[in-house]
Each structure stands twice: as structure tokens, then as C-alpha cells.
């Protein structure tokens, strides 16, 4: 089994895109927060706030200003920031994070059939703890992905309603990441 499955208490994940929304995410129901904002100057404090609220935090490596989305950047995050894990579109960073004892979520964009095939190949090579598929408003494709890989699927992107969350979960997603704070309650 994949350890990330044991972390999920609320199947909605708060995807925080700006620092002003962090308090809402911390106060909300989700026990997992995806941080898609921050900089080298404040990311430790943001992560510590999430952890102090007994929630799990994943940093999107490509969105943290001043920390390179490379091997040294992941090492810096693992040793100094100490989140639960990272999110990245780059399979090499997923492998590095796993080596550094961080959980890792591979984000893939499913824009056509070729992207699905390539995405499966990428996750077979990087062996993440979970896969975030975007956009998350495609129940048929989410169901197909759950049939193509044993890895837990997180749906994300373009989710605007509780019905869309329910549709993604019914299609087999482990959880759904949403950036709309009203959906965190």
C-alpha cells in the first residue's frame, strides 16, 4: 500500500495559491495542504504554521521562489524546510525527494491520449507516492488512470463545485485538490 493513503482523512486537499489563503486552509477541513506559493524567505514559516496545526504539507517545487526546482533545491527543502513531501511535474525531482525520505506527488497534465500514455511511462519510472492528474474535471479519464496504475490518484485543476469533487471521487480519485477556499469547509 502507499503511505499517502494513510494520510488522507479529508478527501479534499487545500491547494493554497496565495499566502493570504493559508489561514483559511489551516482552519478548513482538509488535513493536507498543497502549498503553491511562498519564497525562500518565508516558506519555512508557512510550512511550520501548517505543521503546528497538525496538518500535512506538500510544496510544489516549481512554485517556490528562490528555491531551484532541481536536486539541490529538493535537498535544501528536505533538510531545512521539512515538509511532508513535494509536488512536481519533473520526474527527476520525484526520485530525488524519495531518496531524501520525502513523500512525492507527480503532477501530470492530461491534455490528450498521448499525454496519458506518456504520463503512465513517467510515473512508472519515477515511482511517486501519488499522481495528481490535471484537469480534475474528467471523471472518465480519472477512472481510466486508476485502471492503468496502482498508484493513488489525486484529481486537481478546474474543480469549482462539490459535485465535481464528488464526481472525481466516484471515478476513483483518492482525493481532490482544490484552490477555492469555500470548498475547504
C-alpha atoms as a PDB file:
ATOM      1  CA  UNK A   1       0.000   0.000   0.000  1.00  0.00           C
ATOM      2  CA  UNK A   2       1.049   3.592  -0.472  1.00  0.00           C
ATOM      3  CA  UNK A   3       1.685   5.602   2.737  1.00  0.00           C
ATOM      4  CA  UNK A   4      -0.078   8.668   1.360  1.00  0.00           C
ATOM      5  CA  UNK A   5      -3.367   6.767   1.551  1.00  0.00           C
ATOM      6  CA  UNK A   6      -2.975   6.670   5.332  1.00  0.00           C
ATOM      7  CA  UNK A   7      -2.529  10.467   5.475  1.00  0.00           C
ATOM      8  CA  UNK A   8      -5.844  11.295   3.809  1.00  0.00           C
ATOM      9  CA  UNK A   9      -8.528  11.971   6.404  1.00  0.00           C
ATOM     10  CA  UNK A  10     -10.446  14.513   4.312  1.00  0.00           C
ATOM     11  CA  UNK A  11     -10.675  13.778   0.601  1.00  0.00           C
ATOM     12  CA  UNK A  12     -10.489  17.473  -0.227  1.00  0.00           C
ATOM     13  CA  UNK A  13      -6.964  18.888  -0.295  1.00  0.00           C
ATOM     14  CA  UNK A  14      -6.484  22.636   0.098  1.00  0.00           C
ATOM     15  CA  UNK A  15      -4.363  23.927  -2.772  1.00  0.00           C
ATOM     16  CA  UNK A  16      -3.104  27.272  -1.442  1.00  0.00           C
ATOM     17  CA  UNK A  17      -2.138  29.585  -4.287  1.00  0.00           C
ATOM     18  CA  UNK A  18      -1.535  32.738  -2.259  1.00  0.00           C
ATOM     19  CA  UNK A  19      -0.332  33.297   1.272  1.00  0.00           C
ATOM     20  CA  UNK A  20      -3.490  35.165   2.294  1.00  0.00           C
ATOM     21  CA  UNK A  21      -5.466  31.906   1.955  1.00  0.00           C
ATOM     22  CA  UNK A  22      -3.234  29.877   4.269  1.00  0.00           C
ATOM     23  CA  UNK A  23      -5.230  30.727   7.412  1.00  0.00           C
ATOM     24  CA  UNK A  24      -8.440  29.537   5.702  1.00  0.00           C
ATOM     25  CA  UNK A  25      -6.742  26.316   4.671  1.00  0.00           C
ATOM     26  CA  UNK A  26      -5.478  25.727   8.191  1.00  0.00           C
ATOM     27  CA  UNK A  27      -8.945  26.434   9.639  1.00  0.00           C
ATOM     28  CA  UNK A  28     -10.672  24.285   6.996  1.00  0.00           C
ATOM     29  CA  UNK A  29     -11.469  20.585   6.981  1.00  0.00           C
ATOM     30  CA  UNK A  30      -8.621  19.362   4.753  1.00  0.00           C
ATOM     31  CA  UNK A  31      -5.797  17.725   6.675  1.00  0.00           C
ATOM     32  CA  UNK A  32      -3.476  18.021   3.676  1.00  0.00           C
ATOM     33  CA  UNK A  33      -2.356  21.331   2.211  1.00  0.00           C
ATOM     34  CA  UNK A  34      -0.592  21.810  -1.102  1.00  0.00           C
ATOM     35  CA  UNK A  35       1.495  24.997  -0.917  1.00  0.00           C
ATOM     36  CA  UNK A  36       1.728  26.555  -4.374  1.00  0.00           C
ATOM     37  CA  UNK A  37       3.185  29.806  -3.091  1.00  0.00           C
ATOM     38  CA  UNK A  38       5.992  31.160  -0.966  1.00  0.00           C
ATOM     39  CA  UNK A  39       9.612  32.068  -1.268  1.00  0.00           C
ATOM     40  CA  UNK A  40      12.926  31.087   0.214  1.00  0.00           C
ATOM     41  CA  UNK A  41      12.362  33.889   2.741  1.00  0.00           C
ATOM     42  CA  UNK A  42       9.066  32.634   4.202  1.00  0.00           C
ATOM     43  CA  UNK A  43       8.474  29.025   3.176  1.00  0.00           C
ATOM     44  CA  UNK A  44       9.837  27.578   6.424  1.00  0.00           C
ATOM     45  CA  UNK A  45       7.439  29.743   8.446  1.00  0.00           C
ATOM     46  CA  UNK A  46       4.484  28.764   6.208  1.00  0.00           C
ATOM     47  CA  UNK A  47       5.297  25.068   6.494  1.00  0.00           C
ATOM     48  CA  UNK A  48       5.763  25.346  10.258  1.00  0.00           C
ATOM     49  CA  UNK A  49       2.328  27.002  10.585  1.00  0.00           C
ATOM     50  CA  UNK A  50       0.704  24.115   8.723  1.00  0.00           C
ATOM     51  CA  UNK A  51       2.567  21.517  10.774  1.00  0.00           C
ATOM     52  CA  UNK A  52       1.653  23.321  14.038  1.00  0.00           C
ATOM     53  CA  UNK A  53      -1.997  22.803  13.051  1.00  0.00           C
ATOM     54  CA  UNK A  54      -1.303  19.032  12.782  1.00  0.00           C
ATOM     55  CA  UNK A  55      -1.784  19.032   9.029  1.00  0.00           C
ATOM     56  CA  UNK A  56       0.399  17.609   6.284  1.00  0.00           C
ATOM     57  CA  UNK A  57       2.029  19.957   3.788  1.00  0.00           C
ATOM     58  CA  UNK A  58       3.368  19.348   0.304  1.00  0.00           C
ATOM     59  CA  UNK A  59       5.400  22.013  -1.519  1.00  0.00           C
ATOM     60  CA  UNK A  60       5.118  22.444  -5.255  1.00  0.00           C
ATOM     61  CA  UNK A  61       8.794  22.751  -6.144  1.00  0.00           C
ATOM     62  CA  UNK A  62       8.233  24.788  -9.304  1.00  0.00           C
ATOM     63  CA  UNK A  63       6.260  27.481  -7.431  1.00  0.00           C
ATOM     64  CA  UNK A  64       8.569  28.349  -4.512  1.00  0.00           C
ATOM     65  CA  UNK A  65      10.502  31.495  -5.407  1.00  0.00           C
ATOM     66  CA  UNK A  66      14.233  31.397  -4.747  1.00  0.00           C
ATOM     67  CA  UNK A  67      14.467  27.615  -4.397  1.00  0.00           C
ATOM     68  CA  UNK A  68      15.524  25.906  -7.584  1.00  0.00           C
ATOM     69  CA  UNK A  69      13.437  23.034  -8.876  1.00  0.00           C
ATOM     70  CA  UNK A  70      16.497  20.799  -9.023  1.00  0.00           C
ATOM     71  CA  UNK A  71      18.341  18.220  -6.933  1.00  0.00           C
ATOM     72  CA  UNK A  72      19.934  20.831  -4.649  1.00  0.00           C
ATOM     73  CA  UNK A  73      16.594  22.586  -4.199  1.00  0.00           C
ATOM     74  CA  UNK A  74      14.923  19.349  -3.102  1.00  0.00           C
ATOM     75  CA  UNK A  75      17.841  18.599  -0.769  1.00  0.00           C
ATOM     76  CA  UNK A  76      17.521  22.086   0.736  1.00  0.00           C
ATOM     77  CA  UNK A  77      13.777  21.609   1.229  1.00  0.00           C
ATOM     78  CA  UNK A  78      14.256  18.157   2.776  1.00  0.00           C
ATOM     79  CA  UNK A  79      16.950  19.288   5.212  1.00  0.00           C
ATOM     80  CA  UNK A  80      15.775  22.802   6.117  1.00  0.00           C
ATOM     81  CA  UNK A  81      12.046  23.154   5.418  1.00  0.00           C
ATOM     82  CA  UNK A  82      10.972  19.556   6.197  1.00  0.00           C
ATOM     83  CA  UNK A  83       7.503  19.366   4.630  1.00  0.00           C
ATOM     84  CA  UNK A  84       5.606  16.081   4.400  1.00  0.00           C
ATOM     85  CA  UNK A  85       6.571  15.994   0.763  1.00  0.00           C
ATOM     86  CA  UNK A  86       6.794  17.726  -2.580  1.00  0.00           C
ATOM     87  CA  UNK A  87       4.744  18.030  -5.742  1.00  0.00           C
ATOM     88  CA  UNK A  88       6.445  18.337  -9.102  1.00  0.00           C
ATOM     89  CA  UNK A  89       5.918  17.862 -12.806  1.00  0.00           C
ATOM     90  CA  UNK A  90       9.554  16.748 -13.048  1.00  0.00           C
ATOM     91  CA  UNK A  91      10.111  13.037 -12.572  1.00  0.00           C
ATOM     92  CA  UNK A  92      13.772  13.503 -11.644  1.00  0.00           C
ATOM     93  CA  UNK A  93      12.685  15.593  -8.634  1.00  0.00           C
ATOM     94  CA  UNK A  94      10.258  12.879  -7.572  1.00  0.00           C
ATOM     95  CA  UNK A  95      13.103  10.369  -7.454  1.00  0.00           C
ATOM     96  CA  UNK A  96      15.341  12.784  -5.516  1.00  0.00           C
ATOM     97  CA  UNK A  97      12.584  13.510  -2.999  1.00  0.00           C
ATOM     98  CA  UNK A  98      12.074   9.780  -2.400  1.00  0.00           C
ATOM     99  CA  UNK A  99      15.824   9.370  -1.827  1.00  0.00           C
ATOM    100  CA  UNK A 100      15.606  12.204   0.731  1.00  0.00           C
ATOM    101  CA  UNK A 101      12.757  10.455   2.597  1.00  0.00           C
ATOM    102  CA  UNK A 102      10.102  12.914   1.442  1.00  0.00           C
ATOM    103  CA  UNK A 103       6.782  11.821   0.009  1.00  0.00           C
ATOM    104  CA  UNK A 104       6.417  12.823  -3.615  1.00  0.00           C
ATOM    105  CA  UNK A 105       3.435  13.567  -5.829  1.00  0.00           C
ATOM    106  CA  UNK A 106       3.956  13.526  -9.582  1.00  0.00           C
ATOM    107  CA  UNK A 107       1.746  16.120 -11.282  1.00  0.00           C
ATOM    108  CA  UNK A 108       0.749  15.311 -14.853  1.00  0.00           C
ATOM    109  CA  UNK A 109      -1.387  17.200 -17.344  1.00  0.00           C
ATOM    110  CA  UNK A 110      -3.739  15.020 -19.364  1.00  0.00           C
ATOM    111  CA  UNK A 111      -4.439  17.016 -22.486  1.00  0.00           C
ATOM    112  CA  UNK A 112      -4.768  14.138 -24.968  1.00  0.00           C
ATOM    113  CA  UNK A 113      -4.270  10.362 -25.363  1.00  0.00           C
ATOM    114  CA  UNK A 114      -0.525  10.803 -25.899  1.00  0.00           C
ATOM    115  CA  UNK A 115      -0.260  12.649 -22.567  1.00  0.00           C
ATOM    116  CA  UNK A 116      -1.982   9.733 -20.806  1.00  0.00           C
ATOM    117  CA  UNK A 117       0.445   7.201 -22.314  1.00  0.00           C
ATOM    118  CA  UNK A 118       3.464   9.402 -21.591  1.00  0.00           C
ATOM    119  CA  UNK A 119       2.165  10.106 -18.070  1.00  0.00           C
ATOM    120  CA  UNK A 120       1.931   6.402 -17.278  1.00  0.00           C
ATOM    121  CA  UNK A 121       5.502   5.905 -18.505  1.00  0.00           C
ATOM    122  CA  UNK A 122       6.735   8.801 -16.375  1.00  0.00           C
ATOM    123  CA  UNK A 123       5.093   7.543 -13.184  1.00  0.00           C
ATOM    124  CA  UNK A 124       6.362   4.010 -13.785  1.00  0.00           C
ATOM    125  CA  UNK A 125       9.880   5.437 -13.854  1.00  0.00           C
ATOM    126  CA  UNK A 126       9.621   7.978 -11.030  1.00  0.00           C
ATOM    127  CA  UNK A 127       7.549   5.795  -8.636  1.00  0.00           C
ATOM    128  CA  UNK A 128       5.827   8.652  -6.758  1.00  0.00           C
ATOM    129  CA  UNK A 129       3.612   8.139  -3.714  1.00  0.00           C
ATOM    130  CA  UNK A 130       0.652   9.509  -5.687  1.00  0.00           C
ATOM    131  CA  UNK A 131      -0.182  11.108  -9.008  1.00  0.00           C
ATOM    132  CA  UNK A 132      -2.028  14.398  -9.350  1.00  0.00           C
ATOM    133  CA  UNK A 133      -3.890  14.447 -12.654  1.00  0.00           C
ATOM    134  CA  UNK A 134      -4.969  17.734 -14.161  1.00  0.00           C
ATOM    135  CA  UNK A 135      -7.509  18.867 -15.026  1.00  0.00           C
ATOM    136  CA  UNK A 136      -9.535  17.076 -12.393  1.00  0.00           C
ATOM    137  CA  UNK A 137     -12.928  17.578 -14.035  1.00  0.00           C
ATOM    138  CA  UNK A 138     -12.624  14.468 -16.220  1.00  0.00           C
ATOM    139  CA  UNK A 139     -14.211  11.527 -14.376  1.00  0.00           C
ATOM    140  CA  UNK A 140     -13.831   9.141 -17.337  1.00  0.00           C
ATOM    141  CA  UNK A 141     -10.102   9.870 -17.603  1.00  0.00           C
ATOM    142  CA  UNK A 142      -9.640   9.661 -13.822  1.00  0.00           C
ATOM    143  CA  UNK A 143     -11.254   6.225 -13.897  1.00  0.00           C
ATOM    144  CA  UNK A 144      -9.003   5.210 -16.794  1.00  0.00           C
ATOM    145  CA  UNK A 145      -5.910   6.353 -14.865  1.00  0.00           C
ATOM    146  CA  UNK A 146      -6.958   4.337 -11.808  1.00  0.00           C
ATOM    147  CA  UNK A 147      -7.166   1.298 -14.083  1.00  0.00           C
ATOM    148  CA  UNK A 148      -3.752   1.969 -15.651  1.00  0.00           C
ATOM    149  CA  UNK A 149      -1.765   2.404 -12.441  1.00  0.00           C
ATOM    150  CA  UNK A 150      -1.968   1.098  -8.886  1.00  0.00           C
ATOM    151  CA  UNK A 151      -0.757   4.489  -7.610  1.00  0.00           C
ATOM    152  CA  UNK A 152      -3.266   6.672  -5.756  1.00  0.00           C
ATOM    153  CA  UNK A 153      -4.754   9.366  -7.997  1.00  0.00           C
ATOM    154  CA  UNK A 154      -5.396  12.923  -6.833  1.00  0.00           C
ATOM    155  CA  UNK A 155      -7.597  14.988  -9.145  1.00  0.00           C
ATOM    156  CA  UNK A 156      -6.836  18.687  -9.389  1.00  0.00           C
ATOM    157  CA  UNK A 157      -7.445  21.722 -11.531  1.00  0.00           C
ATOM    158  CA  UNK A 158     -10.649  23.417 -12.663  1.00  0.00           C
ATOM    159  CA  UNK A 159     -12.653  21.955  -9.750  1.00  0.00           C
ATOM    160  CA  UNK A 160     -15.287  24.544  -8.809  1.00  0.00           C
ATOM    161  CA  UNK A 161     -18.129  22.673  -7.096  1.00  0.00           C
ATOM    162  CA  UNK A 162     -18.781  19.973  -4.511  1.00  0.00           C
ATOM    163  CA  UNK A 163     -20.433  17.956  -7.293  1.00  0.00           C
ATOM    164  CA  UNK A 164     -17.188  17.989  -9.288  1.00  0.00           C
ATOM    165  CA  UNK A 165     -15.335  16.820  -6.165  1.00  0.00           C
ATOM    166  CA  UNK A 166     -17.876  14.011  -5.761  1.00  0.00           C
ATOM    167  CA  UNK A 167     -17.609  13.045  -9.433  1.00  0.00           C
ATOM    168  CA  UNK A 168     -13.805  12.789  -9.227  1.00  0.00           C
ATOM    169  CA  UNK A 169     -14.009  10.702  -6.046  1.00  0.00           C
ATOM    170  CA  UNK A 170     -16.673   8.441  -7.564  1.00  0.00           C
ATOM    171  CA  UNK A 171     -14.359   7.918 -10.558  1.00  0.00           C
ATOM    172  CA  UNK A 172     -11.718   6.527  -8.216  1.00  0.00           C
ATOM    173  CA  UNK A 173      -9.620   9.511  -7.108  1.00  0.00           C
ATOM    174  CA  UNK A 174      -8.165   9.178  -3.609  1.00  0.00           C
ATOM    175  CA  UNK A 175      -8.620  12.906  -3.059  1.00  0.00           C
ATOM    176  CA  UNK A 176      -9.239  16.156  -4.913  1.00  0.00           C
ATOM    177  CA  UNK A 177      -7.041  19.251  -4.642  1.00  0.00           C
ATOM    178  CA  UNK A 178      -8.977  22.495  -4.883  1.00  0.00           C
ATOM    179  CA  UNK A 179      -7.898  26.108  -4.780  1.00  0.00           C
ATOM    180  CA  UNK A 180     -11.349  27.522  -3.984  1.00  0.00           C
ATOM    181  CA  UNK A 181     -11.380  28.206  -0.258  1.00  0.00           C
ATOM    182  CA  UNK A 182     -15.170  27.847   0.006  1.00  0.00           C
ATOM    183  CA  UNK A 183     -14.739  24.171  -0.828  1.00  0.00           C
ATOM    184  CA  UNK A 184     -12.401  23.632   2.149  1.00  0.00           C
ATOM    185  CA  UNK A 185     -15.305  23.728   4.618  1.00  0.00           C
END
